[in-house]
């Protein structure tokens, strides 16, 4: 009975990769296939999946050196907006806004530099001396050229 169902499924055109993958998983999970010919049961669903993958259109290549625009509403876009402000932003401000740890923010800066963005230091403030917080109160303001 399962072989008939799989034969019918393999002859009907698939509309999505998700459907084809679900068929492969269903054949894999079927206990009857474990006792019989597992490879034979997977042949038709795997072929349908391969056909869909081969027919997937390729994306148009970007020009060399072209900056990729971040998706809207992401934390990366939020951080870039903060860094493009005239007053810039500190690591602590970005960490508070995104929920990231401070070392993650600094790693993001390193990634920006790799991608060709110039992350510049606007101001370094050292809080030392009596009634100051010492190194914990010190901060650096960063900015990215727009």
C-alpha atoms as a PDB file:
ATOM      1  CA  UNK A   1       0.000   0.000   0.000  1.00  0.00           C
ATOM      2  CA  UNK A   2       2.827   2.399   0.837  1.00  0.00           C
ATOM      3  CA  UNK A   3       4.568   1.593  -2.435  1.00  0.00           C
ATOM      4  CA  UNK A   4       1.402   2.547  -4.306  1.00  0.00           C
ATOM      5  CA  UNK A   5       1.125   5.811  -2.385  1.00  0.00           C
ATOM      6  CA  UNK A   6       4.746   6.621  -3.097  1.00  0.00           C
ATOM      7  CA  UNK A   7       4.302   5.769  -6.771  1.00  0.00           C
ATOM      8  CA  UNK A   8       1.312   8.119  -6.978  1.00  0.00           C
ATOM      9  CA  UNK A   9       3.223  10.843  -5.133  1.00  0.00           C
ATOM     10  CA  UNK A  10       6.245  10.492  -7.394  1.00  0.00           C
ATOM     11  CA  UNK A  11       4.150  10.817 -10.566  1.00  0.00           C
ATOM     12  CA  UNK A  12       2.309  13.944  -9.391  1.00  0.00           C
ATOM     13  CA  UNK A  13       4.302  17.143  -9.868  1.00  0.00           C
ATOM     14  CA  UNK A  14       5.770  18.635  -6.719  1.00  0.00           C
ATOM     15  CA  UNK A  15       5.160  22.277  -6.038  1.00  0.00           C
ATOM     16  CA  UNK A  16       7.811  22.846  -3.431  1.00  0.00           C
ATOM     17  CA  UNK A  17      11.040  21.554  -1.998  1.00  0.00           C
ATOM     18  CA  UNK A  18       9.310  21.250   1.360  1.00  0.00           C
ATOM     19  CA  UNK A  19       6.810  18.718  -0.051  1.00  0.00           C
ATOM     20  CA  UNK A  20       9.565  16.671  -1.675  1.00  0.00           C
ATOM     21  CA  UNK A  21      11.648  16.662   1.510  1.00  0.00           C
ATOM     22  CA  UNK A  22       8.585  15.648   3.552  1.00  0.00           C
ATOM     23  CA  UNK A  23       8.041  12.701   1.200  1.00  0.00           C
ATOM     24  CA  UNK A  24      11.650  11.572   1.641  1.00  0.00           C
ATOM     25  CA  UNK A  25      11.342  11.794   5.418  1.00  0.00           C
ATOM     26  CA  UNK A  26       8.032   9.922   5.407  1.00  0.00           C
ATOM     27  CA  UNK A  27       9.598   7.081   3.398  1.00  0.00           C
ATOM     28  CA  UNK A  28      12.594   7.030   5.742  1.00  0.00           C
ATOM     29  CA  UNK A  29      10.456   6.904   8.891  1.00  0.00           C
ATOM     30  CA  UNK A  30       8.066   4.200   7.618  1.00  0.00           C
ATOM     31  CA  UNK A  31       8.615   0.967   9.569  1.00  0.00           C
ATOM     32  CA  UNK A  32       7.597  -1.176   6.586  1.00  0.00           C
ATOM     33  CA  UNK A  33      10.570   0.168   4.620  1.00  0.00           C
ATOM     34  CA  UNK A  34      12.962  -0.759   7.422  1.00  0.00           C
ATOM     35  CA  UNK A  35      11.994  -4.412   7.093  1.00  0.00           C
ATOM     36  CA  UNK A  36      11.955  -4.351   3.282  1.00  0.00           C
ATOM     37  CA  UNK A  37      13.899  -2.493   0.621  1.00  0.00           C
ATOM     38  CA  UNK A  38      14.783   0.914   2.133  1.00  0.00           C
ATOM     39  CA  UNK A  39      16.840   2.009  -0.856  1.00  0.00           C
ATOM     40  CA  UNK A  40      14.086   1.131  -3.295  1.00  0.00           C
ATOM     41  CA  UNK A  41      11.514   3.008  -1.226  1.00  0.00           C
ATOM     42  CA  UNK A  42      13.674   6.126  -1.208  1.00  0.00           C
ATOM     43  CA  UNK A  43      14.479   6.113  -4.947  1.00  0.00           C
ATOM     44  CA  UNK A  44      11.376   7.924  -6.206  1.00  0.00           C
ATOM     45  CA  UNK A  45      11.172  10.580  -3.461  1.00  0.00           C
ATOM     46  CA  UNK A  46      14.910  11.307  -3.738  1.00  0.00           C
ATOM     47  CA  UNK A  47      14.647  11.655  -7.510  1.00  0.00           C
ATOM     48  CA  UNK A  48      11.779  14.125  -7.115  1.00  0.00           C
ATOM     49  CA  UNK A  49      13.855  16.109  -4.619  1.00  0.00           C
ATOM     50  CA  UNK A  50      16.886  16.100  -6.944  1.00  0.00           C
ATOM     51  CA  UNK A  51      14.725  17.327  -9.841  1.00  0.00           C
ATOM     52  CA  UNK A  52      13.397  20.222  -7.802  1.00  0.00           C
ATOM     53  CA  UNK A  53      16.860  21.150  -6.558  1.00  0.00           C
ATOM     54  CA  UNK A  54      18.298  21.060 -10.078  1.00  0.00           C
ATOM     55  CA  UNK A  55      15.528  23.298 -11.369  1.00  0.00           C
ATOM     56  CA  UNK A  56      16.001  25.934  -8.688  1.00  0.00           C
ATOM     57  CA  UNK A  57      16.861  29.267 -10.335  1.00  0.00           C
ATOM     58  CA  UNK A  58      20.253  30.738  -9.581  1.00  0.00           C
ATOM     59  CA  UNK A  59      20.508  34.146  -7.977  1.00  0.00           C
ATOM     60  CA  UNK A  60      21.927  36.979 -10.016  1.00  0.00           C
ATOM     61  CA  UNK A  61      25.531  37.608  -8.992  1.00  0.00           C
ATOM     62  CA  UNK A  62      26.376  40.905  -7.311  1.00  0.00           C
ATOM     63  CA  UNK A  63      28.938  43.236  -8.736  1.00  0.00           C
ATOM     64  CA  UNK A  64      32.378  42.857  -7.217  1.00  0.00           C
ATOM     65  CA  UNK A  65      32.841  45.188  -4.259  1.00  0.00           C
ATOM     66  CA  UNK A  66      29.152  46.120  -4.076  1.00  0.00           C
ATOM     67  CA  UNK A  67      27.922  46.593  -0.518  1.00  0.00           C
ATOM     68  CA  UNK A  68      25.098  44.321   0.518  1.00  0.00           C
ATOM     69  CA  UNK A  69      22.186  46.096   2.143  1.00  0.00           C
ATOM     70  CA  UNK A  70      21.136  44.542   5.464  1.00  0.00           C
ATOM     71  CA  UNK A  71      17.549  43.374   5.799  1.00  0.00           C
ATOM     72  CA  UNK A  72      15.193  45.846   7.403  1.00  0.00           C
ATOM     73  CA  UNK A  73      14.361  45.512  11.078  1.00  0.00           C
ATOM     74  CA  UNK A  74      17.443  43.490  12.033  1.00  0.00           C
ATOM     75  CA  UNK A  75      19.810  44.162  14.904  1.00  0.00           C
ATOM     76  CA  UNK A  76      22.619  44.718  12.413  1.00  0.00           C
ATOM     77  CA  UNK A  77      20.658  47.483  10.749  1.00  0.00           C
ATOM     78  CA  UNK A  78      19.890  48.960  14.170  1.00  0.00           C
ATOM     79  CA  UNK A  79      23.582  48.984  15.121  1.00  0.00           C
ATOM     80  CA  UNK A  80      24.581  50.575  11.815  1.00  0.00           C
ATOM     81  CA  UNK A  81      21.952  53.286  12.327  1.00  0.00           C
ATOM     82  CA  UNK A  82      23.348  53.996  15.802  1.00  0.00           C
ATOM     83  CA  UNK A  83      26.896  54.166  14.461  1.00  0.00           C
ATOM     84  CA  UNK A  84      25.875  56.527  11.649  1.00  0.00           C
ATOM     85  CA  UNK A  85      24.439  59.108  14.053  1.00  0.00           C
ATOM     86  CA  UNK A  86      26.538  62.298  14.331  1.00  0.00           C
ATOM     87  CA  UNK A  87      27.190  61.597  18.022  1.00  0.00           C
ATOM     88  CA  UNK A  88      28.053  57.931  17.345  1.00  0.00           C
ATOM     89  CA  UNK A  89      27.501  55.213  19.942  1.00  0.00           C
ATOM     90  CA  UNK A  90      29.360  53.412  22.698  1.00  0.00           C
ATOM     91  CA  UNK A  91      29.703  49.663  23.062  1.00  0.00           C
ATOM     92  CA  UNK A  92      27.492  49.814  26.164  1.00  0.00           C
ATOM     93  CA  UNK A  93      24.727  51.699  24.315  1.00  0.00           C
ATOM     94  CA  UNK A  94      24.736  49.199  21.471  1.00  0.00           C
ATOM     95  CA  UNK A  95      24.760  46.244  23.880  1.00  0.00           C
ATOM     96  CA  UNK A  96      21.753  47.706  25.744  1.00  0.00           C
ATOM     97  CA  UNK A  97      19.843  48.369  22.516  1.00  0.00           C
ATOM     98  CA  UNK A  98      20.440  44.928  20.985  1.00  0.00           C
ATOM     99  CA  UNK A  99      20.728  42.667  24.012  1.00  0.00           C
ATOM    100  CA  UNK A 100      24.165  41.554  22.837  1.00  0.00           C
ATOM    101  CA  UNK A 101      27.141  41.072  25.127  1.00  0.00           C
ATOM    102  CA  UNK A 102      29.856  43.711  24.839  1.00  0.00           C
ATOM    103  CA  UNK A 103      32.315  41.274  23.267  1.00  0.00           C
ATOM    104  CA  UNK A 104      29.706  40.513  20.592  1.00  0.00           C
ATOM    105  CA  UNK A 105      29.470  44.215  19.756  1.00  0.00           C
ATOM    106  CA  UNK A 106      33.241  44.427  19.413  1.00  0.00           C
ATOM    107  CA  UNK A 107      33.185  41.333  17.176  1.00  0.00           C
ATOM    108  CA  UNK A 108      30.534  43.027  15.034  1.00  0.00           C
ATOM    109  CA  UNK A 109      32.891  46.014  14.685  1.00  0.00           C
ATOM    110  CA  UNK A 110      35.636  43.655  13.487  1.00  0.00           C
ATOM    111  CA  UNK A 111      33.234  42.223  10.905  1.00  0.00           C
ATOM    112  CA  UNK A 112      32.376  45.728   9.722  1.00  0.00           C
ATOM    113  CA  UNK A 113      36.065  46.475   9.223  1.00  0.00           C
ATOM    114  CA  UNK A 114      36.475  43.269   7.200  1.00  0.00           C
ATOM    115  CA  UNK A 115      33.580  44.329   4.979  1.00  0.00           C
ATOM    116  CA  UNK A 116      35.252  47.658   4.247  1.00  0.00           C
ATOM    117  CA  UNK A 117      33.409  49.950   6.653  1.00  0.00           C
ATOM    118  CA  UNK A 118      35.629  52.439   8.452  1.00  0.00           C
ATOM    119  CA  UNK A 119      34.786  52.288  12.165  1.00  0.00           C
ATOM    120  CA  UNK A 120      36.351  55.409  13.651  1.00  0.00           C
ATOM    121  CA  UNK A 121      36.828  56.504  17.233  1.00  0.00           C
ATOM    122  CA  UNK A 122      35.156  59.832  17.940  1.00  0.00           C
ATOM    123  CA  UNK A 123      36.086  60.147  21.588  1.00  0.00           C
ATOM    124  CA  UNK A 124      37.763  58.210  24.389  1.00  0.00           C
ATOM    125  CA  UNK A 125      36.716  59.114  27.928  1.00  0.00           C
ATOM    126  CA  UNK A 126      38.770  57.848  30.861  1.00  0.00           C
ATOM    127  CA  UNK A 127      37.137  58.055  34.258  1.00  0.00           C
ATOM    128  CA  UNK A 128      40.032  57.968  36.710  1.00  0.00           C
ATOM    129  CA  UNK A 129      40.757  59.640  39.996  1.00  0.00           C
ATOM    130  CA  UNK A 130      38.780  60.086  43.202  1.00  0.00           C
ATOM    131  CA  UNK A 131      34.996  59.519  43.079  1.00  0.00           C
ATOM    132  CA  UNK A 132      35.188  58.069  39.579  1.00  0.00           C
ATOM    133  CA  UNK A 133      34.534  54.481  38.590  1.00  0.00           C
ATOM    134  CA  UNK A 134      38.013  53.850  37.225  1.00  0.00           C
ATOM    135  CA  UNK A 135      38.302  51.619  34.189  1.00  0.00           C
ATOM    136  CA  UNK A 136      34.626  50.590  34.471  1.00  0.00           C
ATOM    137  CA  UNK A 137      33.532  54.169  33.974  1.00  0.00           C
ATOM    138  CA  UNK A 138      35.710  54.670  30.897  1.00  0.00           C
ATOM    139  CA  UNK A 139      34.161  54.431  27.460  1.00  0.00           C
ATOM    140  CA  UNK A 140      34.837  54.997  23.774  1.00  0.00           C
ATOM    141  CA  UNK A 141      32.438  56.548  21.260  1.00  0.00           C
ATOM    142  CA  UNK A 142      32.500  54.892  17.808  1.00  0.00           C
ATOM    143  CA  UNK A 143      31.101  56.023  14.486  1.00  0.00           C
ATOM    144  CA  UNK A 144      30.849  54.654  10.937  1.00  0.00           C
ATOM    145  CA  UNK A 145      31.181  57.015   8.001  1.00  0.00           C
ATOM    146  CA  UNK A 146      27.825  57.245   6.221  1.00  0.00           C
END
